[in-house]
Amino acid sequence: MLTVVQSMDIKDLHRSGHSIRAIERETGYSRNTIRRVLRGEHTPHYHTPERSSKLDPYKPYVRQRYATVALSAVRLLDEIRSQGYDGSLQTLRRFVRTLKGDRAAAAKATVRFETRPGYQAQVDWGYCGRFHQADGTAVKVYVFAMVLGYSRMLYIEFTTSMKLPWLLGCHQRAFAAFGGIPQTILYDNMKQVRIDQHQLNEQMVDFAEHHGFVIKTHRPYRPRTKGKVERPMTYIKDNFLKGRSFADLAQLNAHAQHWLATTANVRTHGTTGERPVDRFADGERAALRSLGEVAPYNFVDPKTRKVSTESMVRFDGSQYSVPPHLVGQQVSVFAHGGQITIRSGDTVIAEHPAAVLSGQCVVQADHLVELWKVIEAQTPRPTPAEHWELRFDQAVQATPLMRYEEASA
C-alpha cells in the first residue's frame, strides 16, 4: 500500500510531464500501481510510522546534497558514514529514490520573468548548418537573435562567424532596427561575453558601457532562464529556414528581414496574446534609450602584422592585399562587422570584406597591378649576347723558307 505522500508524488510527476515509464524509473513502483493511482483507483494507506529510522538524523544533509549535486547513494553513504551513520545502503537507496521525483520536478519548474517595457533584451547565437557555395566549398552559417522581453519584438541576422566583431556589429544593427537600446541584455555564457565564471570580456564591457546597457548572464546549466530567445531559435529554424534555399548570405539576410516584417513580428504571440509589433509600438519603443544619445562606436582590437614579400597581410587564417610599397613594414589590422581594415600609422591603406573561408586570399585589383609593376621594374633585363671576333692588329711574322732549308742540310 502506498502512503498519501507517495501517491501525491506520483501525481506530481505525472503533472510535470513524466511518462508512466519515467515515473516507474524514478519511484520504483510498478506501472500497474502507477496507473491505478493516476486513475484514482488506489486508496492511499494512512499510517503512522511505528519506529524511527537510523537515517532520520542524516536526511536533511542527504536531501540538501542530492538537491545540489545529485550524488549516488553509494557516494552519499561514504559521506554520512563519516558523520556516524551505521545503517544500511538499502535504507539510504530507498530514501534517495524518493528524492529523484522532487529533483526532476524542480528541474522542469520555471518561474516566468516578465519584464517591463524597455528593460531587457535577450541575445543568443544558433548554428544553422553549412552553406555550399558555387565553387563547391562549404561554409558554416550562424544566426544572431535579439528579442525584446516585453514586446517579444525580434531581430535576426545570419553570419559566417560568431567572433566578437560580428557580435558587436549585429548588436548595432539590432539597435538600429528597434530604434533604441534596452537597459539590460541577457546572454548565455558565450565566450565572447563571459571569459570565465568571474570575468567578463573587457571589450564587451566597453561596448555595453558605451551604449548604456548592463550585461547579465544566466546561471550556468540553467538555459530555461533565457527562454524568450531560445524558443525563437526553434521558431526561426522551423518557420523560416526549413524547406527554403538561398543563393548566398546576402539573399538569406534579405529574406530574413522580410520574414520579420511580414511573419515573425506580426503574428499573435502565444504567451502575450498580442502581436509583437503592436506591443512594441504601444509600450516599448518609447522606453528604449534613443540612439541619438549615443556616439558611434568604433571597435578597436588591432592586430600587428608584417607585410610579406608578396604584398599580403596574413590575418585570421587568410591573406589580404596591401600596396606593394609597404612590403616588410608593420601594419595594424582591424576586424569589425565583416570588414577588414588595414592601417599604416593613422592612414587606412586597404579595406576588404572578411574572407568567408580560412585560407582565402582577398586581393584588390589595383594592388595586384602595382605589384606587377614593381616586380617588372626590379627584374634585371638580359644584356645582348657577346660575339667573339678575331682581329689582326699586328703583322704576323713568318719564317723565311731558306731557314728550313739550311736546317735540313
Protein backbone atom coordinates (compact mmCIF):
# COMPACT_ATOMS: atom_id res chain seq x y z
CA MET A 1 0.00 0.00 0.00
CA LEU A 2 1.16 3.50 -0.83
CA THR A 3 1.02 6.37 1.59
CA VAL A 4 -0.69 9.67 0.82
CA VAL A 5 2.68 11.33 0.20
CA GLN A 6 3.76 8.58 -2.19
CA SER A 7 0.52 8.85 -4.16
CA MET A 8 0.90 12.62 -4.35
CA ASP A 9 4.47 12.21 -5.59
CA ILE A 10 3.27 10.02 -8.44
CA LYS A 11 0.58 12.54 -9.42
CA ASP A 12 3.03 15.45 -9.23
CA LEU A 13 5.50 13.66 -11.50
CA HIS A 14 2.71 12.94 -14.00
CA ARG A 15 1.55 16.58 -13.95
CA SER A 16 5.16 17.61 -14.58
CA GLY A 17 5.16 15.72 -17.87
CA HIS A 18 6.72 12.42 -16.83
CA SER A 19 5.57 9.29 -18.64
CA ILE A 20 4.47 6.19 -16.72
CA ARG A 21 7.77 4.54 -17.64
CA ALA A 22 9.72 7.53 -16.33
CA ILE A 23 7.72 7.54 -13.09
CA GLU A 24 8.49 3.84 -12.71
CA ARG A 25 12.21 4.57 -13.00
CA GLU A 26 12.03 7.46 -10.56
CA THR A 27 9.92 5.82 -7.85
CA GLY A 28 10.46 2.10 -8.25
CA TYR A 29 6.69 1.38 -8.24
CA SER A 30 5.17 -0.93 -10.84
CA ARG A 31 3.39 0.51 -13.86
CA ASN A 32 0.07 -1.05 -12.80
CA THR A 33 0.33 0.62 -9.40
CA ILE A 34 1.11 3.96 -11.05
CA ARG A 35 -1.84 3.61 -13.45
CA ARG A 36 -4.20 2.82 -10.56
CA VAL A 37 -3.04 5.93 -8.68
CA LEU A 38 -3.49 8.13 -11.77
CA ARG A 39 -6.97 6.66 -12.39
CA GLY A 40 -7.90 7.24 -8.73
CA GLU A 41 -8.37 3.53 -8.08
CA HIS A 42 -5.63 3.24 -5.47
CA THR A 43 -6.62 4.03 -1.89
CA PRO A 44 -3.75 5.71 -0.04
CA HIS A 45 -2.68 3.98 3.14
CA TYR A 46 -2.68 6.28 6.11
CA HIS A 47 -0.34 5.17 8.83
CA THR A 48 1.97 6.49 11.44
CA PRO A 49 5.46 5.04 11.34
CA GLU A 50 5.87 2.69 14.24
CA ARG A 51 9.59 3.24 14.61
CA SER A 52 12.20 5.70 13.53
CA SER A 53 14.98 5.02 11.06
CA LYS A 54 18.70 5.23 11.63
CA LEU A 55 18.77 7.54 8.62
CA ASP A 56 16.43 10.16 10.13
CA PRO A 57 19.18 12.39 11.66
CA TYR A 58 21.01 12.45 8.31
CA LYS A 59 18.04 13.03 5.99
CA PRO A 60 18.38 16.87 5.93
CA TYR A 61 22.03 16.54 4.87
CA VAL A 62 21.24 13.87 2.25
CA ARG A 63 18.34 15.92 0.90
CA GLN A 64 20.50 19.07 0.59
CA ARG A 65 23.44 17.24 -1.04
CA TYR A 66 21.22 15.42 -3.52
CA ALA A 67 19.37 18.59 -4.48
CA THR A 68 22.69 20.35 -5.12
CA VAL A 69 24.84 17.67 -6.76
CA ALA A 70 22.62 14.57 -7.24
CA LEU A 71 25.24 12.21 -5.83
CA SER A 72 24.60 8.48 -5.97
CA ALA A 73 23.52 6.58 -2.86
CA VAL A 74 26.96 4.96 -2.70
CA ARG A 75 28.68 8.37 -2.65
CA LEU A 76 26.24 9.72 -0.08
CA LEU A 77 26.80 6.64 2.07
CA ASP A 78 30.53 7.41 2.25
CA GLU A 79 29.78 10.95 3.39
CA ILE A 80 27.26 10.13 6.10
CA ARG A 81 29.30 7.15 7.35
CA SER A 82 31.97 9.67 8.37
CA GLN A 83 29.24 11.53 10.28
CA GLY A 84 28.24 8.45 12.26
CA TYR A 85 25.57 6.72 10.15
CA ASP A 86 25.70 2.94 10.67
CA GLY A 87 22.57 1.93 8.81
CA SER A 88 22.35 0.01 5.52
CA LEU A 89 22.88 1.16 1.95
CA GLN A 90 19.45 -0.18 1.02
CA THR A 91 17.76 2.16 3.52
CA LEU A 92 19.65 5.09 2.02
CA ARG A 93 18.75 4.00 -1.51
CA ARG A 94 15.05 3.91 -0.68
CA PHE A 95 15.22 7.46 0.64
CA VAL A 96 17.24 8.74 -2.33
CA ARG A 97 14.65 7.20 -4.64
CA THR A 98 12.00 9.46 -3.09
CA LEU A 99 14.21 12.49 -3.80
CA LYS A 100 14.55 11.79 -7.50
CA GLY A 101 10.98 12.85 -8.23
CA ASP A 102 11.48 16.13 -6.35
CA ARG A 103 14.64 16.91 -8.31
CA ALA A 104 13.05 16.07 -11.65
CA ALA A 105 10.07 18.29 -10.91
CA ALA A 106 12.34 21.11 -9.75
CA ALA A 107 14.40 20.86 -12.94
CA LYS A 108 11.28 21.40 -15.04
CA ALA A 109 9.95 24.22 -12.88
CA THR A 110 10.43 27.64 -14.45
CA VAL A 111 9.41 30.95 -12.97
CA ARG A 112 8.49 33.18 -15.88
CA PHE A 113 10.26 36.52 -15.72
CA GLU A 114 8.08 39.15 -17.35
CA THR A 115 9.91 42.41 -17.99
CA ARG A 116 8.67 45.94 -18.10
CA PRO A 117 8.93 47.86 -21.41
CA GLY A 118 12.47 48.70 -22.47
CA TYR A 119 14.09 46.91 -19.56
CA GLN A 120 15.59 43.80 -21.06
CA ALA A 121 16.53 42.08 -24.32
CA GLN A 122 17.88 38.57 -24.68
CA VAL A 123 20.59 37.51 -27.14
CA ASP A 124 21.86 34.20 -28.47
CA TRP A 125 23.63 32.54 -31.41
CA GLY A 126 22.32 29.49 -33.24
CA TYR A 127 24.11 27.18 -35.65
CA CYS A 128 22.20 26.73 -38.92
CA GLY A 129 24.38 24.28 -40.84
CA ARG A 130 26.73 24.55 -43.81
CA PHE A 131 26.13 26.63 -46.93
CA HIS A 132 27.56 25.21 -50.15
CA GLN A 133 28.90 27.94 -52.40
CA ALA A 134 29.07 27.99 -56.19
CA ASP A 135 32.70 26.79 -56.17
CA GLY A 136 31.73 23.73 -54.12
CA THR A 137 33.22 24.89 -50.83
CA ALA A 138 31.09 24.79 -47.67
CA VAL A 139 30.92 27.49 -45.01
CA LYS A 140 29.24 27.39 -41.60
CA VAL A 141 26.29 29.75 -41.11
CA TYR A 142 25.04 31.08 -37.76
CA VAL A 143 22.04 33.17 -36.77
CA PHE A 144 22.15 36.02 -34.27
CA ALA A 145 18.86 36.68 -32.46
CA MET A 146 17.84 39.53 -30.17
CA VAL A 147 14.34 39.63 -28.70
CA LEU A 148 12.88 42.41 -26.56
CA GLY A 149 11.49 40.96 -23.33
CA TYR A 150 8.28 42.97 -23.08
CA SER A 151 7.00 43.09 -26.67
CA ARG A 152 8.79 39.94 -28.00
CA MET A 153 9.90 42.07 -30.95
CA LEU A 154 12.54 40.02 -32.78
CA TYR A 155 15.66 40.86 -34.81
CA ILE A 156 17.78 38.22 -36.55
CA GLU A 157 20.87 38.25 -38.75
CA PHE A 158 22.83 35.46 -40.39
CA THR A 159 26.65 35.44 -40.30
CA THR A 160 29.59 33.17 -41.09
CA SER A 161 31.32 33.84 -37.77
CA MET A 162 30.44 34.14 -34.08
CA LYS A 163 33.54 36.15 -33.19
CA LEU A 164 33.28 39.36 -31.19
CA PRO A 165 33.48 41.82 -34.12
CA TRP A 166 30.49 40.11 -35.74
CA LEU A 167 28.61 40.01 -32.43
CA LEU A 168 29.06 43.74 -31.86
CA GLY A 169 28.07 44.55 -35.43
CA CYS A 170 24.88 42.51 -35.04
CA HIS A 171 24.09 44.38 -31.82
CA GLN A 172 24.44 47.73 -33.56
CA ARG A 173 22.17 46.70 -36.42
CA ALA A 174 19.61 45.30 -33.96
CA PHE A 175 19.60 48.61 -32.05
CA ALA A 176 19.09 50.43 -35.34
CA ALA A 177 16.18 48.12 -36.25
CA PHE A 178 14.50 48.70 -32.88
CA GLY A 179 15.34 52.39 -32.88
CA GLY A 180 16.82 52.24 -29.38
CA ILE A 181 18.72 50.33 -26.70
CA PRO A 182 17.29 48.34 -23.74
CA GLN A 183 18.55 48.82 -20.18
CA THR A 184 19.89 45.26 -19.81
CA ILE A 185 20.78 42.42 -22.17
CA LEU A 186 20.77 38.80 -21.01
CA TYR A 187 23.23 36.32 -22.53
CA ASP A 188 24.13 32.72 -22.01
CA ASN A 189 27.74 32.09 -21.02
CA MET A 190 29.13 32.58 -24.54
CA LYS A 191 32.88 33.15 -24.51
CA GLN A 192 32.54 36.43 -26.40
CA VAL A 193 30.75 37.85 -23.34
CA ARG A 194 31.99 35.87 -20.34
CA ILE A 195 35.57 34.61 -20.29
CA ASP A 196 35.05 32.54 -17.15
CA GLN A 197 32.82 32.39 -14.10
CA HIS A 198 34.32 35.55 -12.60
CA GLN A 199 35.38 37.65 -15.61
CA LEU A 200 33.55 39.36 -18.46
CA ASN A 201 35.18 40.16 -21.78
CA GLU A 202 36.67 43.65 -21.42
CA GLN A 203 35.80 44.63 -24.99
CA MET A 204 32.19 43.58 -24.46
CA VAL A 205 32.07 45.57 -21.21
CA ASP A 206 33.42 48.62 -23.05
CA PHE A 207 30.74 48.21 -25.74
CA ALA A 208 27.99 47.89 -23.12
CA GLU A 209 29.17 50.92 -21.14
CA HIS A 210 29.39 52.98 -24.33
CA HIS A 211 25.77 52.13 -25.23
CA GLY A 212 24.48 52.37 -21.67
CA PHE A 213 23.18 48.84 -21.08
CA VAL A 214 24.01 46.31 -18.37
CA ILE A 215 25.32 42.83 -19.20
CA LYS A 216 23.58 39.93 -17.48
CA THR A 217 24.32 36.23 -17.93
CA HIS A 218 22.05 33.39 -16.93
CA ARG A 219 23.01 30.79 -14.36
CA PRO A 220 25.23 28.00 -15.72
CA TYR A 221 23.27 24.93 -16.79
CA ARG A 222 20.00 26.82 -16.43
CA PRO A 223 19.17 27.83 -20.02
CA ARG A 224 15.46 27.90 -19.17
CA THR A 225 16.04 31.28 -17.53
CA LYS A 226 16.62 32.63 -21.05
CA GLY A 227 13.62 31.05 -22.68
CA LYS A 228 12.36 34.12 -24.53
CA VAL A 229 15.22 33.87 -27.01
CA GLU A 230 15.74 30.10 -27.06
CA ARG A 231 12.17 29.46 -28.18
CA PRO A 232 12.55 31.94 -31.09
CA MET A 233 15.63 29.94 -32.15
CA THR A 234 13.40 26.92 -32.72
CA TYR A 235 10.77 29.14 -34.36
CA ILE A 236 13.36 30.64 -36.74
CA LYS A 237 14.61 27.25 -37.90
CA ASP A 238 11.15 25.71 -38.26
CA ASN A 239 9.18 28.62 -39.69
CA PHE A 240 11.83 30.42 -41.73
CA LEU A 241 14.74 28.14 -42.67
CA LYS A 242 13.16 24.73 -43.08
CA GLY A 243 12.39 23.88 -46.71
CA ARG A 244 13.93 27.05 -48.14
CA SER A 245 17.13 27.61 -50.13
CA PHE A 246 19.15 30.76 -50.74
CA ALA A 247 21.77 31.78 -53.29
CA ASP A 248 24.12 33.47 -50.82
CA LEU A 249 24.35 35.13 -47.42
CA ALA A 250 23.11 38.49 -48.72
CA GLN A 251 19.94 36.90 -50.10
CA LEU A 252 19.46 34.93 -46.88
CA ASN A 253 19.57 38.11 -44.78
CA ALA A 254 17.30 39.99 -47.18
CA HIS A 255 14.66 37.24 -46.91
CA ALA A 256 15.13 37.19 -43.13
CA GLN A 257 14.25 40.88 -42.82
CA HIS A 258 11.18 40.36 -44.99
CA TRP A 259 10.14 37.40 -42.82
CA LEU A 260 10.49 39.51 -39.66
CA ALA A 261 8.30 42.25 -41.10
CA THR A 262 5.60 40.03 -42.60
CA THR A 263 5.51 37.00 -40.30
CA ALA A 264 7.51 36.88 -37.07
CA ASN A 265 6.71 40.30 -35.63
CA VAL A 266 3.09 40.49 -36.80
CA ARG A 267 1.89 37.09 -35.55
CA THR A 268 -0.14 36.78 -32.37
CA HIS A 269 2.37 35.71 -29.74
CA GLY A 270 1.47 32.56 -27.83
CA THR A 271 2.40 33.99 -24.42
CA THR A 272 1.34 37.64 -24.59
CA GLY A 273 -1.71 37.06 -26.81
CA GLU A 274 -0.74 40.18 -28.78
CA ARG A 275 1.30 40.96 -31.88
CA PRO A 276 4.91 41.93 -31.04
CA VAL A 277 4.73 44.90 -33.41
CA ASP A 278 1.70 46.27 -31.54
CA ARG A 279 3.17 45.84 -28.03
CA PHE A 280 6.37 47.40 -29.30
CA ALA A 281 4.62 50.45 -30.72
CA ASP A 282 2.28 50.90 -27.75
CA GLY A 283 4.67 50.44 -24.85
CA GLU A 284 8.26 49.54 -25.65
CA ARG A 285 9.58 51.81 -28.38
CA ALA A 286 9.37 54.92 -26.20
CA ALA A 287 11.01 53.11 -23.26
CA LEU A 288 14.22 52.32 -25.17
CA ARG A 289 17.22 54.62 -24.91
CA SER A 290 17.39 56.78 -28.02
CA LEU A 291 20.22 56.06 -30.45
CA GLY A 292 20.65 59.81 -30.83
CA GLU A 293 22.11 59.91 -27.30
CA VAL A 294 24.92 57.51 -28.25
CA ALA A 295 28.00 58.40 -30.29
CA PRO A 296 29.12 55.90 -32.97
CA TYR A 297 31.15 53.07 -31.52
CA ASN A 298 34.36 52.02 -33.25
CA PHE A 299 35.53 48.57 -32.38
CA VAL A 300 39.28 48.74 -31.74
CA ASP A 301 41.14 45.47 -31.43
CA PRO A 302 44.07 45.85 -33.81
CA LYS A 303 46.48 43.06 -34.63
CA THR A 304 50.01 43.91 -35.75
CA ARG A 305 51.18 42.13 -38.89
CA LYS A 306 54.20 42.31 -41.19
CA VAL A 307 53.60 42.74 -44.92
CA SER A 308 55.01 39.77 -46.83
CA THR A 309 57.16 39.93 -49.95
CA GLU A 310 54.01 39.16 -51.96
CA SER A 311 52.44 42.37 -50.60
CA MET A 312 49.98 40.38 -48.45
CA VAL A 313 48.99 40.51 -44.77
CA ARG A 314 48.01 37.29 -43.02
CA PHE A 315 45.11 37.63 -40.59
CA ASP A 316 42.83 35.06 -39.00
CA GLY A 317 43.93 32.29 -41.37
CA SER A 318 43.50 34.27 -44.60
CA GLN A 319 45.56 36.80 -46.56
CA TYR A 320 44.69 40.36 -47.62
CA SER A 321 46.46 42.55 -50.15
CA VAL A 322 48.08 45.94 -49.44
CA PRO A 323 50.01 48.37 -51.67
CA PRO A 324 53.42 46.83 -52.54
CA HIS A 325 55.49 49.78 -51.27
CA LEU A 326 54.69 48.54 -47.73
CA VAL A 327 56.47 45.19 -48.14
CA GLY A 328 58.41 44.39 -44.95
CA GLN A 329 56.64 47.04 -42.86
CA GLN A 330 54.44 46.56 -39.77
CA VAL A 331 50.75 47.39 -40.21
CA SER A 332 47.66 47.24 -37.98
CA VAL A 333 44.69 45.06 -38.91
CA PHE A 334 41.19 45.86 -37.60
CA ALA A 335 38.21 43.48 -37.92
CA HIS A 336 34.69 44.80 -37.46
CA GLY A 337 31.32 43.58 -38.63
CA GLY A 338 32.61 41.54 -41.55
CA GLN A 339 35.04 44.25 -42.69
CA ILE A 340 38.84 44.13 -42.57
CA THR A 341 40.63 47.49 -42.34
CA ILE A 342 44.42 47.74 -42.61
CA ARG A 343 46.25 50.84 -41.40
CA SER A 344 49.81 52.09 -41.57
CA GLY A 345 50.03 54.52 -38.66
CA ASP A 346 46.85 56.59 -38.88
CA THR A 347 46.40 56.03 -42.62
CA VAL A 348 43.96 53.49 -43.99
CA ILE A 349 45.87 51.62 -46.69
CA ALA A 350 43.36 48.89 -47.53
CA GLU A 351 39.80 47.78 -46.80
CA HIS A 352 38.47 44.32 -47.62
CA PRO A 353 35.39 42.20 -46.92
CA ALA A 354 36.31 39.49 -44.43
CA ALA A 355 37.22 36.16 -46.01
CA VAL A 356 34.39 33.64 -45.89
CA LEU A 357 36.71 30.65 -45.54
CA SER A 358 40.04 30.26 -43.82
CA GLY A 359 42.93 30.14 -46.29
CA GLN A 360 41.44 32.55 -48.83
CA CYS A 361 43.41 35.36 -50.49
CA VAL A 362 41.42 38.58 -50.73
CA VAL A 363 43.06 40.89 -53.28
CA GLN A 364 42.27 44.33 -54.67
CA ALA A 365 42.93 44.59 -58.39
CA ASP A 366 44.92 47.85 -58.13
CA HIS A 367 47.25 46.26 -55.55
CA LEU A 368 47.94 43.41 -57.96
CA VAL A 369 48.65 45.82 -60.83
CA GLU A 370 51.09 47.82 -58.68
CA LEU A 371 52.80 44.63 -57.54
CA TRP A 372 53.43 43.52 -61.12
CA LYS A 373 54.88 46.91 -61.95
CA VAL A 374 57.28 46.69 -59.01
CA ILE A 375 58.31 43.16 -59.94
CA GLU A 376 58.91 44.20 -63.53
CA ALA A 377 60.99 47.20 -62.50
CA GLN A 378 63.13 45.14 -60.13
CA THR A 379 63.80 42.30 -62.56
CA PRO A 380 67.16 42.87 -64.42
CA ARG A 381 66.92 42.83 -68.22
CA PRO A 382 69.24 40.41 -70.07
CA THR A 383 72.18 42.05 -71.94
CA PRO A 384 72.74 41.24 -75.66
CA ALA A 385 74.94 38.17 -76.17
CA GLU A 386 78.65 38.94 -76.77
CA HIS A 387 80.21 37.93 -80.13
CA TRP A 388 83.74 36.56 -80.47
CA GLU A 389 85.86 38.32 -83.10
CA LEU A 390 89.37 37.50 -84.29
CA ARG A 391 91.11 40.71 -85.28
CA PHE A 392 94.70 41.01 -86.55
CA ASP A 393 96.06 44.21 -85.11
CA GLN A 394 99.72 43.40 -85.92
CA ALA A 395 101.53 41.81 -88.82
CA VAL A 396 102.32 38.16 -88.32
CA GLN A 397 105.98 37.36 -88.54
CA ALA A 398 106.61 34.50 -90.96
CA THR A 399 109.78 32.42 -91.03
CA PRO A 400 111.52 32.53 -94.44
CA LEU A 401 111.71 29.14 -96.23
CA MET A 402 115.52 29.43 -96.56
CA ARG A 403 115.84 28.85 -92.79
CA TYR A 404 114.07 25.50 -93.04
CA GLU A 405 116.35 24.53 -95.98
CA GLU A 406 119.50 25.42 -94.02
CA ALA A 407 118.37 23.46 -91.02
CA SER A 408 117.72 20.39 -93.10
CA ALA A 409 121.24 20.46 -94.86
